[in-house]
Amino acid sequence: MMLATILAFVMAAKIPVTEDFEKAKKIAEVHERPIVLLFTGSDWSNWSKKLLHDVLENEEFQKSVTNTFVFVKVDFPEANHQARDLMQEHYELKERFDVQDFPCVILLDHEGFEISRLGYVPHEPKEYAKQLLSIYEKYQELFFQIKSSDLSLYKISELERLYNEACKLRSPHLVGAVLQEGISREEGVFFLLEKYSQLFRMGKRFSQEAKALRDLITKRDVNNMEGGMLRLALLDFQANREEAIKSPEEVVEPLQQFILKFKDQEKETLAKLNYMISEYFRSHDVLAKQ
């Protein structure tokens, strides 16, 4: 009975659109289609209105994506008239996917793994459809290479390529799979730096894991041959800028220390760091020290 209901739902519309995420998951599972979550503010966000009316309801868009995606409108209207259960489900989805801005478009595969996410910028409806289709096509290609094959057979350089492509796509579980394999096998610092940066963005800079990674990066790349020490200095500079209690001199100290320690590095790198220091001092009315 449930299958018949789902099939009837699909056939009733040019493209499957629902506000019920659980219903969308069942449709996606039956037809092995990706899900497009449309986080919108339908009565207050102008870009949400354009996405819903100019794109989703456009005939050219619908023709392009028919039988490819399942669309879920996760709406947050200002004049809230939603049923309590639906409103609760939408807020849970917002929290689960950490959605901050509207509209936000998140693609999931039929198993619920995040493929990618994007906002909305003015596009011809057909072009927006092409963008969604291109993202899904790239995801399928990467999924086959990463999740459906033995990553241990790949060289480190190939893992780096896959990792960069997964990051560009913004697919968390593909990124995570390659990152884990890379950390376990590399002798350099590429993947160590990526994991450390990830923890840094998550506010876990002082965790035991982050400290252990930093120590290993420093040990492996003590002479900055792979750019590890420079990356750490830039991250420390970023962290210092975010701490209002630090003075301008304390903020730029990681960059100054790098310049002193690695004064034989290529001149272009040192020039860029000196420029960053000067600009930071200038923005805080501090006379740059020579």
C-alpha atoms as a PDB file:
ATOM      1  CA  MET A   1       0.000   0.000   0.000  1.00  0.00           C
ATOM      2  CA  MET A   2       2.830   2.378   0.908  1.00  0.00           C
ATOM      3  CA  LEU A   3       4.648   1.662  -2.375  1.00  0.00           C
ATOM      4  CA  ALA A   4       1.469   2.365  -4.344  1.00  0.00           C
ATOM      5  CA  THR A   5       1.044   5.667  -2.504  1.00  0.00           C
ATOM      6  CA  ILE A   6       4.616   6.663  -3.263  1.00  0.00           C
ATOM      7  CA  LEU A   7       4.317   5.773  -6.941  1.00  0.00           C
ATOM      8  CA  ALA A   8       1.042   7.687  -7.188  1.00  0.00           C
ATOM      9  CA  PHE A   9       2.743  10.696  -5.624  1.00  0.00           C
ATOM     10  CA  VAL A  10       5.543  10.565  -8.170  1.00  0.00           C
ATOM     11  CA  MET A  11       3.202  10.249 -11.118  1.00  0.00           C
ATOM     12  CA  ALA A  12       0.973  13.061  -9.896  1.00  0.00           C
ATOM     13  CA  ALA A  13       3.601  15.782 -10.349  1.00  0.00           C
ATOM     14  CA  LYS A  14       6.104  16.706 -13.036  1.00  0.00           C
ATOM     15  CA  ILE A  15       8.775  16.614 -10.371  1.00  0.00           C
ATOM     16  CA  PRO A  16       8.317  15.127  -6.902  1.00  0.00           C
ATOM     17  CA  VAL A  17       7.987  17.970  -4.392  1.00  0.00           C
ATOM     18  CA  THR A  18       6.999  17.526  -0.769  1.00  0.00           C
ATOM     19  CA  GLU A  19       7.514  19.163   2.591  1.00  0.00           C
ATOM     20  CA  ASP A  20       7.652  15.748   4.273  1.00  0.00           C
ATOM     21  CA  PHE A  21      11.265  14.565   4.516  1.00  0.00           C
ATOM     22  CA  GLU A  22      10.306  11.036   5.561  1.00  0.00           C
ATOM     23  CA  LYS A  23       8.075  10.706   2.500  1.00  0.00           C
ATOM     24  CA  ALA A  24      10.913  12.018   0.320  1.00  0.00           C
ATOM     25  CA  LYS A  25      13.316   9.420   1.736  1.00  0.00           C
ATOM     26  CA  LYS A  26      10.935   6.616   0.803  1.00  0.00           C
ATOM     27  CA  ILE A  27      10.556   7.965  -2.729  1.00  0.00           C
ATOM     28  CA  ALA A  28      14.333   8.295  -3.029  1.00  0.00           C
ATOM     29  CA  GLU A  29      14.882   4.743  -1.802  1.00  0.00           C
ATOM     30  CA  VAL A  30      12.309   3.227  -4.150  1.00  0.00           C
ATOM     31  CA  HIS A  31      13.619   5.028  -7.232  1.00  0.00           C
ATOM     32  CA  GLU A  32      17.282   5.420  -6.123  1.00  0.00           C
ATOM     33  CA  ARG A  33      17.108   9.152  -6.729  1.00  0.00           C
ATOM     34  CA  PRO A  34      19.024  11.911  -4.973  1.00  0.00           C
ATOM     35  CA  ILE A  35      17.149  14.330  -2.731  1.00  0.00           C
ATOM     36  CA  VAL A  36      17.288  18.112  -3.065  1.00  0.00           C
ATOM     37  CA  LEU A  37      16.558  19.890   0.213  1.00  0.00           C
ATOM     38  CA  LEU A  38      15.358  23.450  -0.355  1.00  0.00           C
ATOM     39  CA  PHE A  39      15.728  25.420   2.886  1.00  0.00           C
ATOM     40  CA  THR A  40      13.585  28.483   2.288  1.00  0.00           C
ATOM     41  CA  GLY A  41      11.795  31.377   3.900  1.00  0.00           C
ATOM     42  CA  SER A  42       8.924  31.467   1.457  1.00  0.00           C
ATOM     43  CA  ASP A  43       7.197  34.629   2.697  1.00  0.00           C
ATOM     44  CA  TRP A  44      10.154  36.791   3.758  1.00  0.00           C
ATOM     45  CA  SER A  45      13.276  35.854   1.755  1.00  0.00           C
ATOM     46  CA  ASN A  46      13.285  37.350  -1.745  1.00  0.00           C
ATOM     47  CA  TRP A  47      15.895  34.870  -2.989  1.00  0.00           C
ATOM     48  CA  SER A  48      13.814  32.009  -1.604  1.00  0.00           C
ATOM     49  CA  LYS A  49      10.807  33.315  -3.502  1.00  0.00           C
ATOM     50  CA  LYS A  50      12.844  33.479  -6.713  1.00  0.00           C
ATOM     51  CA  LEU A  51      14.156  29.959  -6.226  1.00  0.00           C
ATOM     52  CA  LEU A  52      10.695  28.546  -5.580  1.00  0.00           C
ATOM     53  CA  HIS A  53       8.774  30.464  -8.228  1.00  0.00           C
ATOM     54  CA  ASP A  54      11.285  31.383 -10.934  1.00  0.00           C
ATOM     55  CA  VAL A  55      13.113  28.052 -10.881  1.00  0.00           C
ATOM     56  CA  LEU A  56      11.181  25.235  -9.241  1.00  0.00           C
ATOM     57  CA  GLU A  57       7.909  26.048 -10.989  1.00  0.00           C
ATOM     58  CA  ASN A  58       9.553  26.744 -14.346  1.00  0.00           C
ATOM     59  CA  GLU A  59       8.634  24.320 -17.116  1.00  0.00           C
ATOM     60  CA  GLU A  60      12.165  24.214 -18.585  1.00  0.00           C
ATOM     61  CA  PHE A  61      13.615  23.426 -15.172  1.00  0.00           C
ATOM     62  CA  GLN A  62      11.059  20.697 -14.573  1.00  0.00           C
ATOM     63  CA  LYS A  63      11.714  19.100 -17.950  1.00  0.00           C
ATOM     64  CA  SER A  64      15.454  19.037 -17.240  1.00  0.00           C
ATOM     65  CA  VAL A  65      15.231  17.321 -13.857  1.00  0.00           C
ATOM     66  CA  THR A  66      12.195  15.054 -14.324  1.00  0.00           C
ATOM     67  CA  ASN A  67      12.902  11.542 -13.031  1.00  0.00           C
ATOM     68  CA  THR A  68      16.245  12.612 -11.541  1.00  0.00           C
ATOM     69  CA  PHE A  69      15.680  14.334  -8.167  1.00  0.00           C
ATOM     70  CA  VAL A  70      13.210  14.299  -5.303  1.00  0.00           C
ATOM     71  CA  PHE A  71      12.603  17.831  -4.039  1.00  0.00           C
ATOM     72  CA  VAL A  72      11.846  18.662  -0.408  1.00  0.00           C
ATOM     73  CA  LYS A  73      10.816  22.176   0.571  1.00  0.00           C
ATOM     74  CA  VAL A  74      12.041  22.728   4.114  1.00  0.00           C
ATOM     75  CA  ASP A  75      10.271  25.987   4.712  1.00  0.00           C
ATOM     76  CA  PHE A  76      10.481  28.509   7.550  1.00  0.00           C
ATOM     77  CA  PRO A  77       7.704  31.036   6.882  1.00  0.00           C
ATOM     78  CA  GLU A  78       7.539  34.122   9.054  1.00  0.00           C
ATOM     79  CA  ALA A  79       3.762  33.805   9.279  1.00  0.00           C
ATOM     80  CA  ASN A  80       4.014  30.241  10.508  1.00  0.00           C
ATOM     81  CA  HIS A  81       0.997  28.200   9.549  1.00  0.00           C
ATOM     82  CA  GLN A  82       2.641  24.783   9.537  1.00  0.00           C
ATOM     83  CA  ALA A  83       1.456  21.822  11.542  1.00  0.00           C
ATOM     84  CA  ARG A  84       3.471  21.345  14.723  1.00  0.00           C
ATOM     85  CA  ASP A  85       4.990  18.019  13.627  1.00  0.00           C
ATOM     86  CA  LEU A  86       6.092  19.441  10.269  1.00  0.00           C
ATOM     87  CA  MET A  87       7.564  22.539  11.872  1.00  0.00           C
ATOM     88  CA  GLN A  88       9.493  20.393  14.346  1.00  0.00           C
ATOM     89  CA  GLU A  89      10.826  18.188  11.540  1.00  0.00           C
ATOM     90  CA  HIS A  90      11.991  21.239   9.601  1.00  0.00           C
ATOM     91  CA  TYR A  91      13.816  22.700  12.601  1.00  0.00           C
ATOM     92  CA  GLU A  92      15.478  19.350  13.245  1.00  0.00           C
ATOM     93  CA  LEU A  93      16.661  19.270   9.617  1.00  0.00           C
ATOM     94  CA  LYS A  94      17.970  22.832   9.918  1.00  0.00           C
ATOM     95  CA  GLU A  95      19.980  21.849  12.990  1.00  0.00           C
ATOM     96  CA  ARG A  96      21.131  18.529  11.534  1.00  0.00           C
ATOM     97  CA  PHE A  97      22.524  20.173   8.396  1.00  0.00           C
ATOM     98  CA  ASP A  98      23.682  23.341  10.181  1.00  0.00           C
ATOM     99  CA  VAL A  99      21.813  25.674   7.860  1.00  0.00           C
ATOM    100  CA  GLN A 100      22.411  29.347   8.646  1.00  0.00           C
ATOM    101  CA  ASP A 101      21.437  31.196   5.477  1.00  0.00           C
ATOM    102  CA  PHE A 102      18.349  31.123   3.263  1.00  0.00           C
ATOM    103  CA  PRO A 103      17.877  29.850   0.714  1.00  0.00           C
ATOM    104  CA  CYS A 104      20.214  26.897   1.076  1.00  0.00           C
ATOM    105  CA  VAL A 105      20.110  23.964  -1.328  1.00  0.00           C
ATOM    106  CA  ILE A 106      21.533  20.646  -0.094  1.00  0.00           C
ATOM    107  CA  LEU A 107      21.813  17.548  -2.249  1.00  0.00           C
ATOM    108  CA  LEU A 108      21.675  14.101  -0.644  1.00  0.00           C
ATOM    109  CA  ASP A 109      22.101  10.719  -2.288  1.00  0.00           C
ATOM    110  CA  HIS A 110      19.322   8.167  -1.950  1.00  0.00           C
ATOM    111  CA  GLU A 111      20.966   6.788   1.208  1.00  0.00           C
ATOM    112  CA  GLY A 112      20.950  10.210   2.882  1.00  0.00           C
ATOM    113  CA  PHE A 113      24.645  11.095   2.514  1.00  0.00           C
ATOM    114  CA  GLU A 114      25.337  14.736   1.704  1.00  0.00           C
ATOM    115  CA  ILE A 115      26.493  15.253  -1.882  1.00  0.00           C
ATOM    116  CA  SER A 116      26.967  18.999  -1.881  1.00  0.00           C
ATOM    117  CA  ARG A 117      25.336  22.280  -0.923  1.00  0.00           C
ATOM    118  CA  LEU A 118      24.898  25.602  -2.637  1.00  0.00           C
ATOM    119  CA  GLY A 119      22.975  28.787  -2.290  1.00  0.00           C
ATOM    120  CA  TYR A 120      21.005  30.486  -5.002  1.00  0.00           C
ATOM    121  CA  VAL A 121      22.266  33.086  -7.418  1.00  0.00           C
ATOM    122  CA  PRO A 122      20.256  34.305 -10.409  1.00  0.00           C
ATOM    123  CA  HIS A 123      20.410  31.662 -13.127  1.00  0.00           C
ATOM    124  CA  GLU A 124      18.232  30.764 -16.021  1.00  0.00           C
ATOM    125  CA  PRO A 125      16.114  27.838 -14.741  1.00  0.00           C
ATOM    126  CA  LYS A 126      17.613  25.493 -17.307  1.00  0.00           C
ATOM    127  CA  GLU A 127      21.132  26.528 -16.251  1.00  0.00           C
ATOM    128  CA  TYR A 128      20.315  25.891 -12.606  1.00  0.00           C
ATOM    129  CA  ALA A 129      19.075  22.436 -13.572  1.00  0.00           C
ATOM    130  CA  LYS A 130      22.346  21.821 -15.428  1.00  0.00           C
ATOM    131  CA  GLN A 131      24.261  22.826 -12.319  1.00  0.00           C
ATOM    132  CA  LEU A 132      22.374  20.334 -10.143  1.00  0.00           C
ATOM    133  CA  LEU A 133      22.777  17.577 -12.720  1.00  0.00           C
ATOM    134  CA  SER A 134      26.492  18.300 -13.110  1.00  0.00           C
ATOM    135  CA  ILE A 135      27.041  18.126  -9.346  1.00  0.00           C
ATOM    136  CA  TYR A 136      25.251  14.794  -9.135  1.00  0.00           C
ATOM    137  CA  GLU A 137      27.179  13.407 -12.101  1.00  0.00           C
ATOM    138  CA  LYS A 138      30.479  14.412 -10.484  1.00  0.00           C
ATOM    139  CA  TYR A 139      29.372  12.859  -7.211  1.00  0.00           C
ATOM    140  CA  GLN A 140      28.609   9.549  -8.895  1.00  0.00           C
ATOM    141  CA  GLU A 141      32.039   9.578 -10.516  1.00  0.00           C
ATOM    142  CA  LEU A 142      33.809  10.318  -7.233  1.00  0.00           C
ATOM    143  CA  PHE A 143      31.656   7.878  -5.280  1.00  0.00           C
ATOM    144  CA  PHE A 144      32.734   5.088  -7.603  1.00  0.00           C
ATOM    145  CA  GLN A 145      36.409   6.008  -7.183  1.00  0.00           C
ATOM    146  CA  ILE A 146      36.271   6.527  -3.416  1.00  0.00           C
ATOM    147  CA  LYS A 147      33.560   4.343  -1.902  1.00  0.00           C
ATOM    148  CA  SER A 148      33.284   1.565  -4.470  1.00  0.00           C
ATOM    149  CA  SER A 149      36.987   0.848  -4.850  1.00  0.00           C
ATOM    150  CA  ASP A 150      39.955  -0.056  -2.661  1.00  0.00           C
ATOM    151  CA  LEU A 151      41.604   3.212  -1.635  1.00  0.00           C
ATOM    152  CA  SER A 152      44.677   1.323  -0.451  1.00  0.00           C
ATOM    153  CA  LEU A 153      45.534   0.726  -4.109  1.00  0.00           C
ATOM    154  CA  TYR A 154      45.835   4.455  -4.811  1.00  0.00           C
ATOM    155  CA  LYS A 155      49.123   6.353  -4.609  1.00  0.00           C
ATOM    156  CA  ILE A 156      49.277   9.255  -2.157  1.00  0.00           C
ATOM    157  CA  SER A 157      49.317  11.713  -5.060  1.00  0.00           C
ATOM    158  CA  GLU A 158      46.111  10.148  -6.390  1.00  0.00           C
ATOM    159  CA  LEU A 159      44.521  10.363  -2.944  1.00  0.00           C
ATOM    160  CA  GLU A 160      45.418  14.053  -2.806  1.00  0.00           C
ATOM    161  CA  ARG A 161      43.703  14.578  -6.150  1.00  0.00           C
ATOM    162  CA  LEU A 162      40.580  12.735  -5.013  1.00  0.00           C
ATOM    163  CA  TYR A 163      40.564  14.660  -1.749  1.00  0.00           C
ATOM    164  CA  ASN A 164      40.756  18.014  -3.530  1.00  0.00           C
ATOM    165  CA  GLU A 165      37.945  17.011  -5.881  1.00  0.00           C
ATOM    166  CA  ALA A 166      35.773  15.868  -2.970  1.00  0.00           C
ATOM    167  CA  CYS A 167      36.463  19.164  -1.159  1.00  0.00           C
ATOM    168  CA  LYS A 168      35.537  21.121  -4.269  1.00  0.00           C
ATOM    169  CA  LEU A 169      32.302  19.157  -4.484  1.00  0.00           C
ATOM    170  CA  ARG A 170      31.773  19.722  -0.727  1.00  0.00           C
ATOM    171  CA  SER A 171      30.764  16.151   0.035  1.00  0.00           C
ATOM    172  CA  PRO A 172      31.586  15.518   3.720  1.00  0.00           C
ATOM    173  CA  HIS A 173      31.554  11.723   3.695  1.00  0.00           C
ATOM    174  CA  LEU A 174      33.716  11.449   0.564  1.00  0.00           C
ATOM    175  CA  VAL A 175      36.145  13.991   2.024  1.00  0.00           C
ATOM    176  CA  GLY A 176      36.247  12.032   5.271  1.00  0.00           C
ATOM    177  CA  ALA A 177      36.893   8.694   3.575  1.00  0.00           C
ATOM    178  CA  VAL A 178      39.897   9.978   1.621  1.00  0.00           C
ATOM    179  CA  LEU A 179      41.215  11.960   4.584  1.00  0.00           C
ATOM    180  CA  GLN A 180      41.211   8.891   6.818  1.00  0.00           C
ATOM    181  CA  GLU A 181      43.051   6.796   4.224  1.00  0.00           C
ATOM    182  CA  GLY A 182      45.551   9.570   3.536  1.00  0.00           C
ATOM    183  CA  ILE A 183      46.435  10.127   7.192  1.00  0.00           C
ATOM    184  CA  SER A 184      47.001   6.410   7.721  1.00  0.00           C
ATOM    185  CA  ARG A 185      49.470   6.119   4.845  1.00  0.00           C
ATOM    186  CA  GLU A 186      51.242   9.383   4.062  1.00  0.00           C
ATOM    187  CA  GLU A 187      54.757  10.186   5.222  1.00  0.00           C
ATOM    188  CA  GLY A 188      54.370  13.884   4.517  1.00  0.00           C
ATOM    189  CA  VAL A 189      51.993  16.454   6.015  1.00  0.00           C
ATOM    190  CA  PHE A 190      49.288  17.164   3.401  1.00  0.00           C
ATOM    191  CA  PHE A 191      46.539  15.150   5.068  1.00  0.00           C
ATOM    192  CA  LEU A 192      47.769  15.952   8.575  1.00  0.00           C
ATOM    193  CA  LEU A 193      47.382  19.649   7.779  1.00  0.00           C
ATOM    194  CA  GLU A 194      43.920  19.097   6.341  1.00  0.00           C
ATOM    195  CA  LYS A 195      42.776  17.268   9.468  1.00  0.00           C
ATOM    196  CA  TYR A 196      44.349  19.876  11.739  1.00  0.00           C
ATOM    197  CA  SER A 197      42.628  22.652   9.763  1.00  0.00           C
ATOM    198  CA  GLN A 198      39.334  20.785  10.053  1.00  0.00           C
ATOM    199  CA  LEU A 199      39.666  20.592  13.832  1.00  0.00           C
ATOM    200  CA  PHE A 200      40.677  24.260  13.854  1.00  0.00           C
ATOM    201  CA  ARG A 201      37.458  25.259  12.041  1.00  0.00           C
ATOM    202  CA  MET A 202      35.437  23.151  14.478  1.00  0.00           C
ATOM    203  CA  GLY A 203      36.866  25.070  17.438  1.00  0.00           C
ATOM    204  CA  LYS A 204      38.970  22.092  18.577  1.00  0.00           C
ATOM    205  CA  ARG A 205      42.344  23.746  18.167  1.00  0.00           C
ATOM    206  CA  PHE A 206      43.424  22.849  21.712  1.00  0.00           C
ATOM    207  CA  SER A 207      42.101  19.298  21.737  1.00  0.00           C
ATOM    208  CA  GLN A 208      44.526  16.436  22.346  1.00  0.00           C
ATOM    209  CA  GLU A 209      44.018  15.253  18.772  1.00  0.00           C
ATOM    210  CA  ALA A 210      44.880  18.684  17.362  1.00  0.00           C
ATOM    211  CA  LYS A 211      47.965  18.985  19.559  1.00  0.00           C
ATOM    212  CA  ALA A 212      49.193  15.555  18.482  1.00  0.00           C
ATOM    213  CA  LEU A 213      48.674  16.453  14.827  1.00  0.00           C
ATOM    214  CA  ARG A 214      50.507  19.744  15.235  1.00  0.00           C
ATOM    215  CA  ASP A 215      53.464  18.021  16.886  1.00  0.00           C
ATOM    216  CA  LEU A 216      53.650  15.488  14.060  1.00  0.00           C
ATOM    217  CA  ILE A 217      53.421  18.195  11.397  1.00  0.00           C
ATOM    218  CA  THR A 218      56.217  20.141  13.068  1.00  0.00           C
ATOM    219  CA  LYS A 219      58.365  17.020  13.336  1.00  0.00           C
ATOM    220  CA  ARG A 220      57.858  15.965   9.726  1.00  0.00           C
ATOM    221  CA  ASP A 221      58.182  19.402   8.170  1.00  0.00           C
ATOM    222  CA  VAL A 222      60.520  21.227  10.507  1.00  0.00           C
ATOM    223  CA  ASN A 223      62.176  23.042   7.583  1.00  0.00           C
ATOM    224  CA  ASN A 224      58.869  23.962   5.918  1.00  0.00           C
ATOM    225  CA  MET A 225      59.733  21.987   2.800  1.00  0.00           C
ATOM    226  CA  GLU A 226      56.037  21.086   2.347  1.00  0.00           C
ATOM    227  CA  GLY A 227      54.677  24.396   3.623  1.00  0.00           C
ATOM    228  CA  GLY A 228      53.512  22.910   6.909  1.00  0.00           C
ATOM    229  CA  MET A 229      55.093  25.506   9.183  1.00  0.00           C
ATOM    230  CA  LEU A 230      53.751  28.333   7.032  1.00  0.00           C
ATOM    231  CA  ARG A 231      50.225  26.895   7.176  1.00  0.00           C
ATOM    232  CA  LEU A 232      50.433  26.595  10.977  1.00  0.00           C
ATOM    233  CA  ALA A 233      51.662  30.188  11.254  1.00  0.00           C
ATOM    234  CA  LEU A 234      48.784  31.438   9.121  1.00  0.00           C
ATOM    235  CA  LEU A 235      46.253  29.471  11.178  1.00  0.00           C
ATOM    236  CA  ASP A 236      47.722  30.893  14.409  1.00  0.00           C
ATOM    237  CA  PHE A 237      47.503  34.381  12.930  1.00  0.00           C
ATOM    238  CA  GLN A 238      43.861  33.747  12.054  1.00  0.00           C
ATOM    239  CA  ALA A 239      43.120  32.493  15.569  1.00  0.00           C
ATOM    240  CA  ASN A 240      44.830  35.504  17.141  1.00  0.00           C
ATOM    241  CA  ARG A 241      42.778  37.908  15.017  1.00  0.00           C
ATOM    242  CA  GLU A 242      39.609  36.313  16.356  1.00  0.00           C
ATOM    243  CA  GLU A 243      40.693  36.864  19.974  1.00  0.00           C
ATOM    244  CA  ALA A 244      39.791  40.441  20.818  1.00  0.00           C
ATOM    245  CA  ILE A 245      41.945  40.405  23.964  1.00  0.00           C
ATOM    246  CA  LYS A 246      45.178  40.170  21.979  1.00  0.00           C
ATOM    247  CA  SER A 247      47.161  43.268  21.060  1.00  0.00           C
ATOM    248  CA  PRO A 248      48.117  43.877  17.398  1.00  0.00           C
ATOM    249  CA  GLU A 249      51.706  42.910  18.186  1.00  0.00           C
ATOM    250  CA  GLU A 250      50.567  39.597  19.669  1.00  0.00           C
ATOM    251  CA  VAL A 251      48.263  38.924  16.730  1.00  0.00           C
ATOM    252  CA  VAL A 252      51.025  39.125  14.102  1.00  0.00           C
ATOM    253  CA  GLU A 253      53.644  37.328  16.212  1.00  0.00           C
ATOM    254  CA  PRO A 254      53.205  33.936  14.432  1.00  0.00           C
ATOM    255  CA  LEU A 255      53.974  35.596  11.096  1.00  0.00           C
ATOM    256  CA  GLN A 256      56.937  37.489  12.486  1.00  0.00           C
ATOM    257  CA  GLN A 257      58.333  34.338  14.068  1.00  0.00           C
ATOM    258  CA  PHE A 258      58.034  32.508  10.763  1.00  0.00           C
ATOM    259  CA  ILE A 259      59.862  35.320   8.933  1.00  0.00           C
ATOM    260  CA  LEU A 260      62.691  35.245  11.481  1.00  0.00           C
ATOM    261  CA  LYS A 261      63.037  31.473  11.435  1.00  0.00           C
ATOM    262  CA  PHE A 262      62.676  30.985   7.704  1.00  0.00           C
ATOM    263  CA  LYS A 263      64.377  34.111   6.379  1.00  0.00           C
ATOM    264  CA  ASP A 264      65.926  32.040   3.590  1.00  0.00           C
ATOM    265  CA  GLN A 265      62.510  31.047   2.218  1.00  0.00           C
ATOM    266  CA  GLU A 266      61.483  32.301  -1.197  1.00  0.00           C
ATOM    267  CA  LYS A 267      61.256  36.080  -1.249  1.00  0.00           C
ATOM    268  CA  GLU A 268      57.702  36.144  -2.591  1.00  0.00           C
ATOM    269  CA  THR A 269      56.369  34.256   0.455  1.00  0.00           C
ATOM    270  CA  LEU A 270      58.189  36.515   2.905  1.00  0.00           C
ATOM    271  CA  ALA A 271      57.029  39.622   1.031  1.00  0.00           C
ATOM    272  CA  LYS A 272      53.395  38.482   1.290  1.00  0.00           C
ATOM    273  CA  LEU A 273      53.737  37.878   5.029  1.00  0.00           C
ATOM    274  CA  ASN A 274      55.331  41.305   5.568  1.00  0.00           C
ATOM    275  CA  TYR A 275      52.487  42.847   3.599  1.00  0.00           C
ATOM    276  CA  MET A 276      49.916  41.030   5.771  1.00  0.00           C
ATOM    277  CA  ILE A 277      51.628  42.348   8.899  1.00  0.00           C
ATOM    278  CA  SER A 278      51.753  45.915   7.557  1.00  0.00           C
ATOM    279  CA  GLU A 279      48.111  45.816   6.523  1.00  0.00           C
ATOM    280  CA  TYR A 280      47.037  44.494   9.903  1.00  0.00           C
ATOM    281  CA  PHE A 281      48.996  47.188  11.721  1.00  0.00           C
ATOM    282  CA  ARG A 282      47.621  49.849   9.371  1.00  0.00           C
ATOM    283  CA  SER A 283      44.054  48.711  10.029  1.00  0.00           C
ATOM    284  CA  HIS A 284      44.709  49.045  13.756  1.00  0.00           C
ATOM    285  CA  ASP A 285      46.609  52.336  13.564  1.00  0.00           C
ATOM    286  CA  VAL A 286      49.890  50.751  14.628  1.00  0.00           C
ATOM    287  CA  LEU A 287      53.181  51.859  13.110  1.00  0.00           C
ATOM    288  CA  ALA A 288      54.706  48.824  11.424  1.00  0.00           C
ATOM    289  CA  LYS A 289      58.045  47.919  12.927  1.00  0.00           C
ATOM    290  CA  GLN A 290      60.925  47.593  10.546  1.00  0.00           C
END
